[in-house]
Amino acid sequence: MSVFTPVNPRPFLQSLVSKLAVVRLKWGQEYKGILTSTDQYMNIQLADAEEFQDGNSLGVLPGDLLIRCNNVLYVREIKQETAAMDASPPAAAAAAPRREDPVSEDEQMEEGEQGA
């Protein structure tokens, strides 16, 4: 049985400054970016933030993002190995042959029927 040891949040947040982090809001959105600063109220500022909803990327937000402390569900650091794995394409997608010519919807449906 593992024992939970509480962590003081302010030093924890300060240790994440200048590192890649994920901030999840109470409402379900996630923001992945470089944590540039926090304040005494534990508001969070992210640079180069990418927004996620239900695991799907909604794109990179221009400029800095300020997240008010009372909206935060959790904050976690992204280790560099994890970030590299997230950025690399899946092995199946990399191994799939690519067609140079555009394929019409009819051709795609025919290919799907032949494969079934």
PDB file of N, CA and C in Angstrom:
ATOM      1  N   MET A   1       0.843  -1.177   0.000  1.00  0.00           N
ATOM      2  CA  MET A   1       0.000   0.000   0.000  1.00  0.00           C
ATOM      3  C   MET A   1       0.884   1.234   0.000  1.00  0.00           C
ATOM      4  N   SER A   2       0.625   2.139  -0.939  1.00  0.00           N
ATOM      5  CA  SER A   2       1.431   3.349  -1.024  1.00  0.00           C
ATOM      6  C   SER A   2       0.893   4.396  -0.055  1.00  0.00           C
ATOM      7  N   VAL A   3       1.795   5.216   0.422  1.00  0.00           N
ATOM      8  CA  VAL A   3       1.442   6.261   1.370  1.00  0.00           C
ATOM      9  C   VAL A   3       1.509   7.597   0.646  1.00  0.00           C
ATOM     10  N   PHE A   4       0.452   8.376   0.771  1.00  0.00           N
ATOM     11  CA  PHE A   4       0.397   9.688   0.143  1.00  0.00           C
ATOM     12  C   PHE A   4       1.108  10.699   1.027  1.00  0.00           C
ATOM     13  N   THR A   5       2.041  11.429   0.440  1.00  0.00           N
ATOM     14  CA  THR A   5       2.699  12.508   1.171  1.00  0.00           C
ATOM     15  C   THR A   5       2.322  13.819   0.506  1.00  0.00           C
ATOM     16  N   PRO A   6       1.663  14.708   1.219  1.00  0.00           N
ATOM     17  CA  PRO A   6       1.226  15.970   0.616  1.00  0.00           C
ATOM     18  C   PRO A   6       2.430  16.842   0.228  1.00  0.00           C
ATOM     19  N   VAL A   7       2.234  17.629  -0.811  1.00  0.00           N
ATOM     20  CA  VAL A   7       3.270  18.532  -1.300  1.00  0.00           C
ATOM     21  C   VAL A   7       2.744  19.954  -1.194  1.00  0.00           C
ATOM     22  N   ASN A   8       3.569  20.835  -0.671  1.00  0.00           N
ATOM     23  CA  ASN A   8       3.191  22.240  -0.597  1.00  0.00           C
ATOM     24  C   ASN A   8       3.121  22.790  -2.023  1.00  0.00           C
ATOM     25  N   PRO A   9       1.987  23.355  -2.453  1.00  0.00           N
ATOM     26  CA  PRO A   9       1.826  23.736  -3.862  1.00  0.00           C
ATOM     27  C   PRO A   9       2.701  24.903  -4.327  1.00  0.00           C
ATOM     28  N   ARG A  10       2.980  25.872  -3.489  1.00  0.00           N
ATOM     29  CA  ARG A  10       3.761  27.028  -3.962  1.00  0.00           C
ATOM     30  C   ARG A  10       5.179  26.657  -4.357  1.00  0.00           C
ATOM     31  N   PRO A  11       5.942  25.944  -3.520  1.00  0.00           N
ATOM     32  CA  PRO A  11       7.286  25.548  -3.971  1.00  0.00           C
ATOM     33  C   PRO A  11       7.225  24.596  -5.177  1.00  0.00           C
ATOM     34  N   PHE A  12       6.194  23.749  -5.219  1.00  0.00           N
ATOM     35  CA  PHE A  12       6.034  22.847  -6.353  1.00  0.00           C
ATOM     36  C   PHE A  12       5.851  23.646  -7.643  1.00  0.00           C
ATOM     37  N   LEU A  13       4.956  24.645  -7.635  1.00  0.00           N
ATOM     38  CA  LEU A  13       4.741  25.472  -8.819  1.00  0.00           C
ATOM     39  C   LEU A  13       6.004  26.252  -9.187  1.00  0.00           C
ATOM     40  N   GLN A  14       6.706  26.768  -8.193  1.00  0.00           N
ATOM     41  CA  GLN A  14       7.935  27.508  -8.461  1.00  0.00           C
ATOM     42  C   GLN A  14       8.991  26.603  -9.110  1.00  0.00           C
ATOM     43  N   SER A  15       8.996  25.325  -8.739  1.00  0.00           N
ATOM     44  CA  SER A  15       9.961  24.393  -9.326  1.00  0.00           C
ATOM     45  C   SER A  15       9.639  24.096 -10.792  1.00  0.00           C
ATOM     46  N   LEU A  16       8.403  24.353 -11.218  1.00  0.00           N
ATOM     47  CA  LEU A  16       8.006  24.098 -12.602  1.00  0.00           C
ATOM     48  C   LEU A  16       8.237  25.286 -13.539  1.00  0.00           C
ATOM     49  N   VAL A  17       8.631  26.438 -12.995  1.00  0.00           N
ATOM     50  CA  VAL A  17       8.863  27.620 -13.834  1.00  0.00           C
ATOM     51  C   VAL A  17       9.963  27.301 -14.845  1.00  0.00           C
ATOM     52  N   SER A  18       9.728  27.680 -16.094  1.00  0.00           N
ATOM     53  CA  SER A  18      10.612  27.440 -17.240  1.00  0.00           C
ATOM     54  C   SER A  18      10.597  25.995 -17.723  1.00  0.00           C
ATOM     55  N   LYS A  19       9.645  25.209 -17.261  1.00  0.00           N
ATOM     56  CA  LYS A  19       9.528  23.817 -17.698  1.00  0.00           C
ATOM     57  C   LYS A  19       8.201  23.624 -18.435  1.00  0.00           C
ATOM     58  N   LEU A  20       8.130  22.563 -19.209  1.00  0.00           N
ATOM     59  CA  LEU A  20       6.910  22.207 -19.921  1.00  0.00           C
ATOM     60  C   LEU A  20       5.924  21.598 -18.930  1.00  0.00           C
ATOM     61  N   ALA A  21       4.686  22.110 -18.924  1.00  0.00           N
ATOM     62  CA  ALA A  21       3.691  21.651 -17.960  1.00  0.00           C
ATOM     63  C   ALA A  21       2.319  21.557 -18.613  1.00  0.00           C
ATOM     64  N   VAL A  22       1.451  20.769 -17.984  1.00  0.00           N
ATOM     65  CA  VAL A  22       0.055  20.663 -18.383  1.00  0.00           C
ATOM     66  C   VAL A  22      -0.788  21.202 -17.241  1.00  0.00           C
ATOM     67  N   VAL A  23      -1.728  22.087 -17.589  1.00  0.00           N
ATOM     68  CA  VAL A  23      -2.663  22.629 -16.608  1.00  0.00           C
ATOM     69  C   VAL A  23      -4.055  22.189 -17.036  1.00  0.00           C
ATOM     70  N   ARG A  24      -4.741  21.451 -16.165  1.00  0.00           N
ATOM     71  CA  ARG A  24      -6.109  21.014 -16.460  1.00  0.00           C
ATOM     72  C   ARG A  24      -7.069  21.874 -15.652  1.00  0.00           C
ATOM     73  N   LEU A  25      -8.093  22.388 -16.339  1.00  0.00           N
ATOM     74  CA  LEU A  25      -9.095  23.214 -15.677  1.00  0.00           C
ATOM     75  C   LEU A  25     -10.247  22.360 -15.173  1.00  0.00           C
ATOM     76  N   LYS A  26     -11.003  22.898 -14.254  1.00  0.00           N
ATOM     77  CA  LYS A  26     -12.173  22.197 -13.703  1.00  0.00           C
ATOM     78  C   LYS A  26     -13.193  21.880 -14.778  1.00  0.00           C
ATOM     79  N   TRP A  27     -13.188  22.630 -15.868  1.00  0.00           N
ATOM     80  CA  TRP A  27     -14.212  22.512 -16.899  1.00  0.00           C
ATOM     81  C   TRP A  27     -13.820  21.525 -17.996  1.00  0.00           C
ATOM     82  N   GLY A  28     -12.627  20.902 -17.897  1.00  0.00           N
ATOM     83  CA  GLY A  28     -12.235  19.861 -18.837  1.00  0.00           C
ATOM     84  C   GLY A  28     -11.152  20.257 -19.824  1.00  0.00           C
ATOM     85  N   GLN A  29     -10.886  21.538 -20.018  1.00  0.00           N
ATOM     86  CA  GLN A  29      -9.840  21.944 -20.945  1.00  0.00           C
ATOM     87  C   GLN A  29      -8.469  21.673 -20.336  1.00  0.00           C
ATOM     88  N   GLU A  30      -7.518  21.408 -21.218  1.00  0.00           N
ATOM     89  CA  GLU A  30      -6.124  21.268 -20.799  1.00  0.00           C
ATOM     90  C   GLU A  30      -5.274  22.203 -21.636  1.00  0.00           C
ATOM     91  N   TYR A  31      -4.250  22.748 -21.009  1.00  0.00           N
ATOM     92  CA  TYR A  31      -3.318  23.626 -21.688  1.00  0.00           C
ATOM     93  C   TYR A  31      -1.911  23.104 -21.438  1.00  0.00           C
ATOM     94  N   LYS A  32      -1.174  22.878 -22.535  1.00  0.00           N
ATOM     95  CA  LYS A  32       0.200  22.396 -22.443  1.00  0.00           C
ATOM     96  C   LYS A  32       1.102  23.514 -22.943  1.00  0.00           C
ATOM     97  N   GLY A  33       2.057  23.919 -22.112  1.00  0.00           N
ATOM     98  CA  GLY A  33       2.966  24.977 -22.510  1.00  0.00           C
ATOM     99  C   GLY A  33       4.078  25.149 -21.499  1.00  0.00           C
ATOM    100  N   ILE A  34       4.887  26.152 -21.701  1.00  0.00           N
ATOM    101  CA  ILE A  34       5.987  26.443 -20.790  1.00  0.00           C
ATOM    102  C   ILE A  34       5.466  27.350 -19.691  1.00  0.00           C
ATOM    103  N   LEU A  35       5.582  26.892 -18.458  1.00  0.00           N
ATOM    104  CA  LEU A  35       5.117  27.678 -17.315  1.00  0.00           C
ATOM    105  C   LEU A  35       6.122  28.802 -17.093  1.00  0.00           C
ATOM    106  N   THR A  36       5.705  30.029 -17.368  1.00  0.00           N
ATOM    107  CA  THR A  36       6.637  31.158 -17.275  1.00  0.00           C
ATOM    108  C   THR A  36       6.628  31.818 -15.912  1.00  0.00           C
ATOM    109  N   SER A  37       5.476  31.814 -15.223  1.00  0.00           N
ATOM    110  CA  SER A  37       5.458  32.420 -13.889  1.00  0.00           C
ATOM    111  C   SER A  37       4.197  32.035 -13.124  1.00  0.00           C
ATOM    112  N   THR A  38       4.291  32.198 -11.813  1.00  0.00           N
ATOM    113  CA  THR A  38       3.152  32.063 -10.907  1.00  0.00           C
ATOM    114  C   THR A  38       3.246  33.218  -9.915  1.00  0.00           C
ATOM    115  N   ASP A  39       2.151  33.486  -9.215  1.00  0.00           N
ATOM    116  CA  ASP A  39       2.176  34.552  -8.212  1.00  0.00           C
ATOM    117  C   ASP A  39       1.747  34.013  -6.854  1.00  0.00           C
ATOM    118  N   GLN A  40       1.597  34.921  -5.887  1.00  0.00           N
ATOM    119  CA  GLN A  40       1.261  34.497  -4.525  1.00  0.00           C
ATOM    120  C   GLN A  40      -0.123  33.865  -4.432  1.00  0.00           C
ATOM    121  N   TYR A  41      -0.980  34.125  -5.415  1.00  0.00           N
ATOM    122  CA  TYR A  41      -2.314  33.521  -5.428  1.00  0.00           C
ATOM    123  C   TYR A  41      -2.351  32.218  -6.209  1.00  0.00           C
ATOM    124  N   MET A  42      -1.216  31.837  -6.806  1.00  0.00           N
ATOM    125  CA  MET A  42      -1.059  30.639  -7.629  1.00  0.00           C
ATOM    126  C   MET A  42      -1.777  30.764  -8.970  1.00  0.00           C
ATOM    127  N   ASN A  43      -1.910  32.008  -9.488  1.00  0.00           N
ATOM    128  CA  ASN A  43      -2.304  32.183 -10.874  1.00  0.00           C
ATOM    129  C   ASN A  43      -1.146  31.673 -11.723  1.00  0.00           C
ATOM    130  N   ILE A  44      -1.435  31.206 -12.935  1.00  0.00           N
ATOM    131  CA  ILE A  44      -0.421  30.556 -13.758  1.00  0.00           C
ATOM    132  C   ILE A  44      -0.333  31.252 -15.106  1.00  0.00           C
ATOM    133  N   GLN A  45       0.888  31.493 -15.564  1.00  0.00           N
ATOM    134  CA  GLN A  45       1.117  32.054 -16.884  1.00  0.00           C
ATOM    135  C   GLN A  45       1.869  31.038 -17.720  1.00  0.00           C
ATOM    136  N   LEU A  46       1.315  30.732 -18.911  1.00  0.00           N
ATOM    137  CA  LEU A  46       1.934  29.784 -19.837  1.00  0.00           C
ATOM    138  C   LEU A  46       2.323  30.502 -21.124  1.00  0.00           C
ATOM    139  N   ALA A  47       3.434  30.110 -21.701  1.00  0.00           N
ATOM    140  CA  ALA A  47       3.857  30.596 -23.016  1.00  0.00           C
ATOM    141  C   ALA A  47       3.771  29.444 -23.998  1.00  0.00           C
ATOM    142  N   ASP A  48       3.508  29.748 -25.258  1.00  0.00           N
ATOM    143  CA  ASP A  48       3.400  28.737 -26.317  1.00  0.00           C
ATOM    144  C   ASP A  48       2.418  27.640 -25.929  1.00  0.00           C
ATOM    145  N   ALA A  49       1.262  28.033 -25.438  1.00  0.00           N
ATOM    146  CA  ALA A  49       0.281  27.070 -24.920  1.00  0.00           C
ATOM    147  C   ALA A  49      -0.532  26.461 -26.048  1.00  0.00           C
ATOM    148  N   GLU A  50      -0.752  25.157 -25.930  1.00  0.00           N
ATOM    149  CA  GLU A  50      -1.614  24.434 -26.854  1.00  0.00           C
ATOM    150  C   GLU A  50      -2.848  24.005 -26.070  1.00  0.00           C
ATOM    151  N   GLU A  51      -4.023  24.241 -26.638  1.00  0.00           N
ATOM    152  CA  GLU A  51      -5.282  23.940 -25.958  1.00  0.00           C
ATOM    153  C   GLU A  51      -5.798  22.572 -26.394  1.00  0.00           C
ATOM    154  N   PHE A  52      -6.282  21.792 -25.413  1.00  0.00           N
ATOM    155  CA  PHE A  52      -6.851  20.474 -25.667  1.00  0.00           C
ATOM    156  C   PHE A  52      -8.242  20.384 -25.050  1.00  0.00           C
ATOM    157  N   GLN A  53      -9.159  19.773 -25.768  1.00  0.00           N
ATOM    158  CA  GLN A  53     -10.503  19.492 -25.249  1.00  0.00           C
ATOM    159  C   GLN A  53     -10.789  18.031 -25.556  1.00  0.00           C
ATOM    160  N   ASP A  54     -11.081  17.239 -24.556  1.00  0.00           N
ATOM    161  CA  ASP A  54     -11.345  15.808 -24.702  1.00  0.00           C
ATOM    162  C   ASP A  54     -10.204  15.096 -25.418  1.00  0.00           C
ATOM    163  N   GLY A  55      -8.971  15.496 -25.159  1.00  0.00           N
ATOM    164  CA  GLY A  55      -7.803  14.863 -25.760  1.00  0.00           C
ATOM    165  C   GLY A  55      -7.485  15.320 -27.168  1.00  0.00           C
ATOM    166  N   ASN A  56      -8.309  16.174 -27.753  1.00  0.00           N
ATOM    167  CA  ASN A  56      -8.082  16.665 -29.106  1.00  0.00           C
ATOM    168  C   ASN A  56      -7.502  18.072 -29.067  1.00  0.00           C
ATOM    169  N   SER A  57      -6.455  18.292 -29.848  1.00  0.00           N
ATOM    170  CA  SER A  57      -5.821  19.605 -29.890  1.00  0.00           C
ATOM    171  C   SER A  57      -6.712  20.595 -30.628  1.00  0.00           C
ATOM    172  N   LEU A  58      -6.891  21.766 -30.036  1.00  0.00           N
ATOM    173  CA  LEU A  58      -7.638  22.844 -30.672  1.00  0.00           C
ATOM    174  C   LEU A  58      -6.704  23.888 -31.264  1.00  0.00           C
ATOM    175  N   GLY A  59      -5.406  23.670 -31.127  1.00  0.00           N
ATOM    176  CA  GLY A  59      -4.426  24.568 -31.716  1.00  0.00           C
ATOM    177  C   GLY A  59      -3.595  25.298 -30.676  1.00  0.00           C
ATOM    178  N   VAL A  60      -2.576  25.961 -31.180  1.00  0.00           N
ATOM    179  CA  VAL A  60      -1.674  26.734 -30.319  1.00  0.00           C
ATOM    180  C   VAL A  60      -2.229  28.136 -30.171  1.00  0.00           C
ATOM    181  N   LEU A  61      -2.219  28.631 -28.950  1.00  0.00           N
ATOM    182  CA  LEU A  61      -2.725  29.968 -28.662  1.00  0.00           C
ATOM    183  C   LEU A  61      -1.600  30.989 -28.815  1.00  0.00           C
ATOM    184  N   PRO A  62      -1.844  32.078 -29.522  1.00  0.00           N
ATOM    185  CA  PRO A  62      -0.791  33.087 -29.699  1.00  0.00           C
ATOM    186  C   PRO A  62      -0.541  33.838 -28.395  1.00  0.00           C
ATOM    187  N   GLY A  63       0.703  34.196 -28.162  1.00  0.00           N
ATOM    188  CA  GLY A  63       1.051  34.976 -26.980  1.00  0.00           C
ATOM    189  C   GLY A  63       1.048  34.155 -25.708  1.00  0.00           C
ATOM    190  N   ASP A  64       0.935  34.846 -24.590  1.00  0.00           N
ATOM    191  CA  ASP A  64       0.920  34.193 -23.291  1.00  0.00           C
ATOM    192  C   ASP A  64      -0.506  33.939 -22.838  1.00  0.00           C
ATOM    193  N   LEU A  65      -0.664  32.966 -21.968  1.00  0.00           N
ATOM    194  CA  LEU A  65      -1.967  32.595 -21.432  1.00  0.00           C
ATOM    195  C   LEU A  65      -1.913  32.743 -19.918  1.00  0.00           C
ATOM    196  N   LEU A  66      -2.862  33.459 -19.362  1.00  0.00           N
ATOM    197  CA  LEU A  66      -2.961  33.609 -17.914  1.00  0.00           C
ATOM    198  C   LEU A  66      -4.167  32.820 -17.438  1.00  0.00           C
ATOM    199  N   ILE A  67      -3.939  31.911 -16.492  1.00  0.00           N
ATOM    200  CA  ILE A  67      -5.017  31.084 -15.958  1.00  0.00           C
ATOM    201  C   ILE A  67      -5.229  31.474 -14.502  1.00  0.00           C
ATOM    202  N   ARG A  68      -6.439  31.867 -14.196  1.00  0.00           N
ATOM    203  CA  ARG A  68      -6.765  32.255 -12.836  1.00  0.00           C
ATOM    204  C   ARG A  68      -6.773  31.022 -11.945  1.00  0.00           C
ATOM    205  N   CYS A  69      -6.261  31.172 -10.748  1.00  0.00           N
ATOM    206  CA  CYS A  69      -6.022  30.049  -9.839  1.00  0.00           C
ATOM    207  C   CYS A  69      -7.273  29.237  -9.511  1.00  0.00           C
ATOM    208  N   ASN A  70      -8.429  29.858  -9.384  1.00  0.00           N
ATOM    209  CA  ASN A  70      -9.615  29.119  -8.947  1.00  0.00           C
ATOM    210  C   ASN A  70     -10.204  28.234 -10.045  1.00  0.00           C
ATOM    211  N   ASN A  71      -9.661  28.292 -11.264  1.00  0.00           N
ATOM    212  CA  ASN A  71     -10.126  27.441 -12.357  1.00  0.00           C
ATOM    213  C   ASN A  71      -9.301  26.168 -12.511  1.00  0.00           C
ATOM    214  N   VAL A  72      -8.173  26.079 -11.814  1.00  0.00           N
ATOM    215  CA  VAL A  72      -7.226  24.988 -12.007  1.00  0.00           C
ATOM    216  C   VAL A  72      -7.648  23.748 -11.218  1.00  0.00           C
ATOM    217  N   LEU A  73      -7.680  22.612 -11.923  1.00  0.00           N
ATOM    218  CA  LEU A  73      -7.919  21.324 -11.265  1.00  0.00           C
ATOM    219  C   LEU A  73      -6.588  20.716 -10.850  1.00  0.00           C
ATOM    220  N   TYR A  74      -5.621  20.670 -11.781  1.00  0.00           N
ATOM    221  CA  TYR A  74      -4.283  20.197 -11.433  1.00  0.00           C
ATOM    222  C   TYR A  74      -3.247  20.741 -12.398  1.00  0.00           C
ATOM    223  N   VAL A  75      -1.994  20.673 -11.954  1.00  0.00           N
ATOM    224  CA  VAL A  75      -0.837  21.058 -12.759  1.00  0.00           C
ATOM    225  C   VAL A  75       0.160  19.921 -12.651  1.00  0.00           C
ATOM    226  N   ARG A  76       0.751  19.543 -13.784  1.00  0.00           N
ATOM    227  CA  ARG A  76       1.788  18.521 -13.731  1.00  0.00           C
ATOM    228  C   ARG A  76       2.873  18.848 -14.737  1.00  0.00           C
ATOM    229  N   GLU A  77       4.077  18.409 -14.419  1.00  0.00           N
ATOM    230  CA  GLU A  77       5.214  18.606 -15.310  1.00  0.00           C
ATOM    231  C   GLU A  77       5.196  17.546 -16.397  1.00  0.00           C
ATOM    232  N   ILE A  78       5.618  17.932 -17.589  1.00  0.00           N
ATOM    233  CA  ILE A  78       5.775  16.978 -18.673  1.00  0.00           C
ATOM    234  C   ILE A  78       7.262  16.686 -18.781  1.00  0.00           C
ATOM    235  N   LYS A  79       7.635  15.461 -18.576  1.00  0.00           N
ATOM    236  CA  LYS A  79       9.031  15.067 -18.701  1.00  0.00           C
ATOM    237  C   LYS A  79       9.426  15.129 -20.172  1.00  0.00           C
ATOM    238  N   GLN A  80      10.687  15.359 -20.459  1.00  0.00           N
ATOM    239  CA  GLN A  80      11.152  15.507 -21.837  1.00  0.00           C
ATOM    240  C   GLN A  80      10.935  14.242 -22.658  1.00  0.00           C
ATOM    241  N   GLU A  81      11.074  13.040 -22.046  1.00  0.00           N
ATOM    242  CA  GLU A  81      10.843  11.802 -22.779  1.00  0.00           C
ATOM    243  C   GLU A  81       9.382  11.719 -23.208  1.00  0.00           C
ATOM    244  N   THR A  82       8.455  12.113 -22.325  1.00  0.00           N
ATOM    245  CA  THR A  82       7.029  12.080 -22.626  1.00  0.00           C
ATOM    246  C   THR A  82       6.704  13.074 -23.727  1.00  0.00           C
ATOM    247  N   ALA A  83       7.300  14.258 -23.679  1.00  0.00           N
ATOM    248  CA  ALA A  83       7.045  15.275 -24.692  1.00  0.00           C
ATOM    249  C   ALA A  83       7.534  14.800 -26.052  1.00  0.00           C
ATOM    250  N   ALA A  84       8.675  14.124 -26.096  1.00  0.00           N
ATOM    251  CA  ALA A  84       9.199  13.614 -27.360  1.00  0.00           C
ATOM    252  C   ALA A  84       8.294  12.530 -27.915  1.00  0.00           C
ATOM    253  N   MET A  85       7.730  11.702 -27.049  1.00  0.00           N
ATOM    254  CA  MET A  85       6.832  10.648 -27.495  1.00  0.00           C
ATOM    255  C   MET A  85       5.539  11.251 -28.025  1.00  0.00           C
ATOM    256  N   ASP A  86       5.025  12.311 -27.406  1.00  0.00           N
ATOM    257  CA  ASP A  86       3.799  12.962 -27.863  1.00  0.00           C
ATOM    258  C   ASP A  86       3.995  13.597 -29.237  1.00  0.00           C
ATOM    259  N   ALA A  87       5.199  14.107 -29.498  1.00  0.00           N
ATOM    260  CA  ALA A  87       5.453  14.805 -30.754  1.00  0.00           C
ATOM    261  C   ALA A  87       5.689  13.846 -31.917  1.00  0.00           C
ATOM    262  N   SER A  88       6.138  12.615 -31.622  1.00  0.00           N
ATOM    263  CA  SER A  88       6.428  11.684 -32.707  1.00  0.00           C
ATOM    264  C   SER A  88       5.145  11.060 -33.239  1.00  0.00           C
ATOM    265  N   PRO A  89       5.082  10.793 -34.561  1.00  0.00           N
ATOM    266  CA  PRO A  89       3.881  10.183 -35.125  1.00  0.00           C
ATOM    267  C   PRO A  89       3.766   8.728 -34.708  1.00  0.00           C
ATOM    268  N   PRO A  90       2.553   8.192 -34.632  1.00  0.00           N
ATOM    269  CA  PRO A  90       2.395   6.794 -34.295  1.00  0.00           C
ATOM    270  C   PRO A  90       3.097   5.913 -35.315  1.00  0.00           C
ATOM    271  N   ALA A  91       3.574   4.751 -34.889  1.00  0.00           N
ATOM    272  CA  ALA A  91       4.326   3.852 -35.757  1.00  0.00           C
ATOM    273  C   ALA A  91       3.478   3.400 -36.938  1.00  0.00           C
ATOM    274  N   ALA A  92       2.204   3.139 -36.725  1.00  0.00           N
ATOM    275  CA  ALA A  92       1.333   2.681 -37.809  1.00  0.00           C
ATOM    276  C   ALA A  92       1.182   3.760 -38.875  1.00  0.00           C
ATOM    277  N   ALA A  93       1.070   5.009 -38.455  1.00  0.00           N
ATOM    278  CA  ALA A  93       0.919   6.100 -39.411  1.00  0.00           C
ATOM    279  C   ALA A  93       2.209   6.318 -40.189  1.00  0.00           C
ATOM    280  N   ALA A  94       3.348   6.154 -39.533  1.00  0.00           N
ATOM    281  CA  ALA A  94       4.625   6.347 -40.201  1.00  0.00           C
ATOM    282  C   ALA A  94       4.880   5.235 -41.214  1.00  0.00           C
ATOM    283  N   ALA A  95       4.412   4.022 -40.928  1.00  0.00           N
ATOM    284  CA  ALA A  95       4.652   2.882 -41.803  1.00  0.00           C
ATOM    285  C   ALA A  95       3.671   2.828 -42.973  1.00  0.00           C
ATOM    286  N   ALA A  96       2.557   3.525 -42.889  1.00  0.00           N
ATOM    287  CA  ALA A  96       1.538   3.473 -43.941  1.00  0.00           C
ATOM    288  C   ALA A  96       2.047   4.179 -45.197  1.00  0.00           C
ATOM    289  N   PRO A  97       1.851   3.573 -46.365  1.00  0.00           N
ATOM    290  CA  PRO A  97       2.292   4.229 -47.601  1.00  0.00           C
ATOM    291  C   PRO A  97       1.440   5.456 -47.883  1.00  0.00           C
ATOM    292  N   ARG A  98       2.053   6.463 -48.479  1.00  0.00           N
ATOM    293  CA  ARG A  98       1.338   7.694 -48.797  1.00  0.00           C
ATOM    294  C   ARG A  98       1.110   7.750 -50.293  1.00  0.00           C
ATOM    295  N   ARG A  99      -0.068   8.196 -50.656  1.00  0.00           N
ATOM    296  CA  ARG A  99      -0.385   8.372 -52.072  1.00  0.00           C
ATOM    297  C   ARG A  99      -0.083   9.801 -52.458  1.00  0.00           C
ATOM    298  N   GLU A 100       0.537   9.971 -53.604  1.00  0.00           N
ATOM    299  CA  GLU A 100       0.890  11.298 -54.084  1.00  0.00           C
ATOM    300  C   GLU A 100      -0.302  12.004 -54.711  1.00  0.00           C
ATOM    301  N   ASP A 101      -1.163  11.248 -55.424  1.00  0.00           N
ATOM    302  CA  ASP A 101      -2.289  11.859 -56.106  1.00  0.00           C
ATOM    303  C   ASP A 101      -3.488  11.952 -55.171  1.00  0.00           C
ATOM    304  N   PRO A 102      -4.318  13.002 -55.302  1.00  0.00           N
ATOM    305  CA  PRO A 102      -5.497  13.112 -54.451  1.00  0.00           C
ATOM    306  C   PRO A 102      -6.488  11.990 -54.761  1.00  0.00           C
ATOM    307  N   VAL A 103      -7.167  11.528 -53.728  1.00  0.00           N
ATOM    308  CA  VAL A 103      -8.114  10.431 -53.861  1.00  0.00           C
ATOM    309  C   VAL A 103      -9.519  10.986 -53.633  1.00  0.00           C
ATOM    310  N   SER A 104     -10.431  10.662 -54.545  1.00  0.00           N
ATOM    311  CA  SER A 104     -11.804  11.125 -54.389  1.00  0.00           C
ATOM    312  C   SER A 104     -12.519  10.275 -53.355  1.00  0.00           C
ATOM    313  N   GLU A 105     -13.668  10.755 -52.894  1.00  0.00           N
ATOM    314  CA  GLU A 105     -14.446  10.007 -51.906  1.00  0.00           C
ATOM    315  C   GLU A 105     -14.913   8.676 -52.466  1.00  0.00           C
ATOM    316  N   ASP A 106     -15.266   8.637 -53.766  1.00  0.00           N
ATOM    317  CA  ASP A 106     -15.712   7.385 -54.384  1.00  0.00           C
ATOM    318  C   ASP A 106     -14.594   6.345 -54.375  1.00  0.00           C
ATOM    319  N   GLU A 107     -13.353   6.783 -54.691  1.00  0.00           N
ATOM    320  CA  GLU A 107     -12.231   5.853 -54.677  1.00  0.00           C
ATOM    321  C   GLU A 107     -11.956   5.349 -53.273  1.00  0.00           C
ATOM    322  N   GLN A 108     -12.099   6.229 -52.280  1.00  0.00           N
ATOM    323  CA  GLN A 108     -11.883   5.818 -50.894  1.00  0.00           C
ATOM    324  C   GLN A 108     -12.907   4.772 -50.485  1.00  0.00           C
ATOM    325  N   MET A 109     -14.170   4.958 -50.898  1.00  0.00           N
ATOM    326  CA  MET A 109     -15.213   3.992 -50.534  1.00  0.00           C
ATOM    327  C   MET A 109     -14.961   2.667 -51.230  1.00  0.00           C
ATOM    328  N   GLU A 110     -14.520   2.697 -52.512  1.00  0.00           N
ATOM    329  CA  GLU A 110     -14.212   1.467 -53.214  1.00  0.00           C
ATOM    330  C   GLU A 110     -13.074   0.708 -52.550  1.00  0.00           C
ATOM    331  N   GLU A 111     -12.032   1.432 -52.125  1.00  0.00           N
ATOM    332  CA  GLU A 111     -10.918   0.799 -51.437  1.00  0.00           C
ATOM    333  C   GLU A 111     -11.386   0.168 -50.130  1.00  0.00           C
ATOM    334  N   GLY A 112     -12.273   0.828 -49.432  1.00  0.00           N
ATOM    335  CA  GLY A 112     -12.798   0.313 -48.164  1.00  0.00           C
ATOM    336  C   GLY A 112     -13.615  -0.944 -48.379  1.00  0.00           C
ATOM    337  N   GLU A 113     -14.388  -0.989 -49.460  1.00  0.00           N
ATOM    338  CA  GLU A 113     -15.197  -2.163 -49.753  1.00  0.00           C
ATOM    339  C   GLU A 113     -14.323  -3.349 -50.154  1.00  0.00           C
ATOM    340  N   GLN A 114     -13.251  -3.078 -50.884  1.00  0.00           N
ATOM    341  CA  GLN A 114     -12.356  -4.140 -51.308  1.00  0.00           C
ATOM    342  C   GLN A 114     -11.612  -4.731 -50.120  1.00  0.00           C
ATOM    343  N   GLY A 115     -11.263  -3.889 -49.131  1.00  0.00           N
ATOM    344  CA  GLY A 115     -10.541  -4.355 -47.962  1.00  0.00           C
ATOM    345  C   GLY A 115     -11.427  -5.134 -47.006  1.00  0.00           C
ATOM    346  N   ALA A 116     -12.742  -4.976 -47.102  1.00  0.00           N
ATOM    347  CA  ALA A 116     -13.653  -5.616 -46.153  1.00  0.00           C
ATOM    348  C   ALA A 116     -13.927  -7.049 -46.509  1.00  0.00           C
TER     349      ALA A 116
END
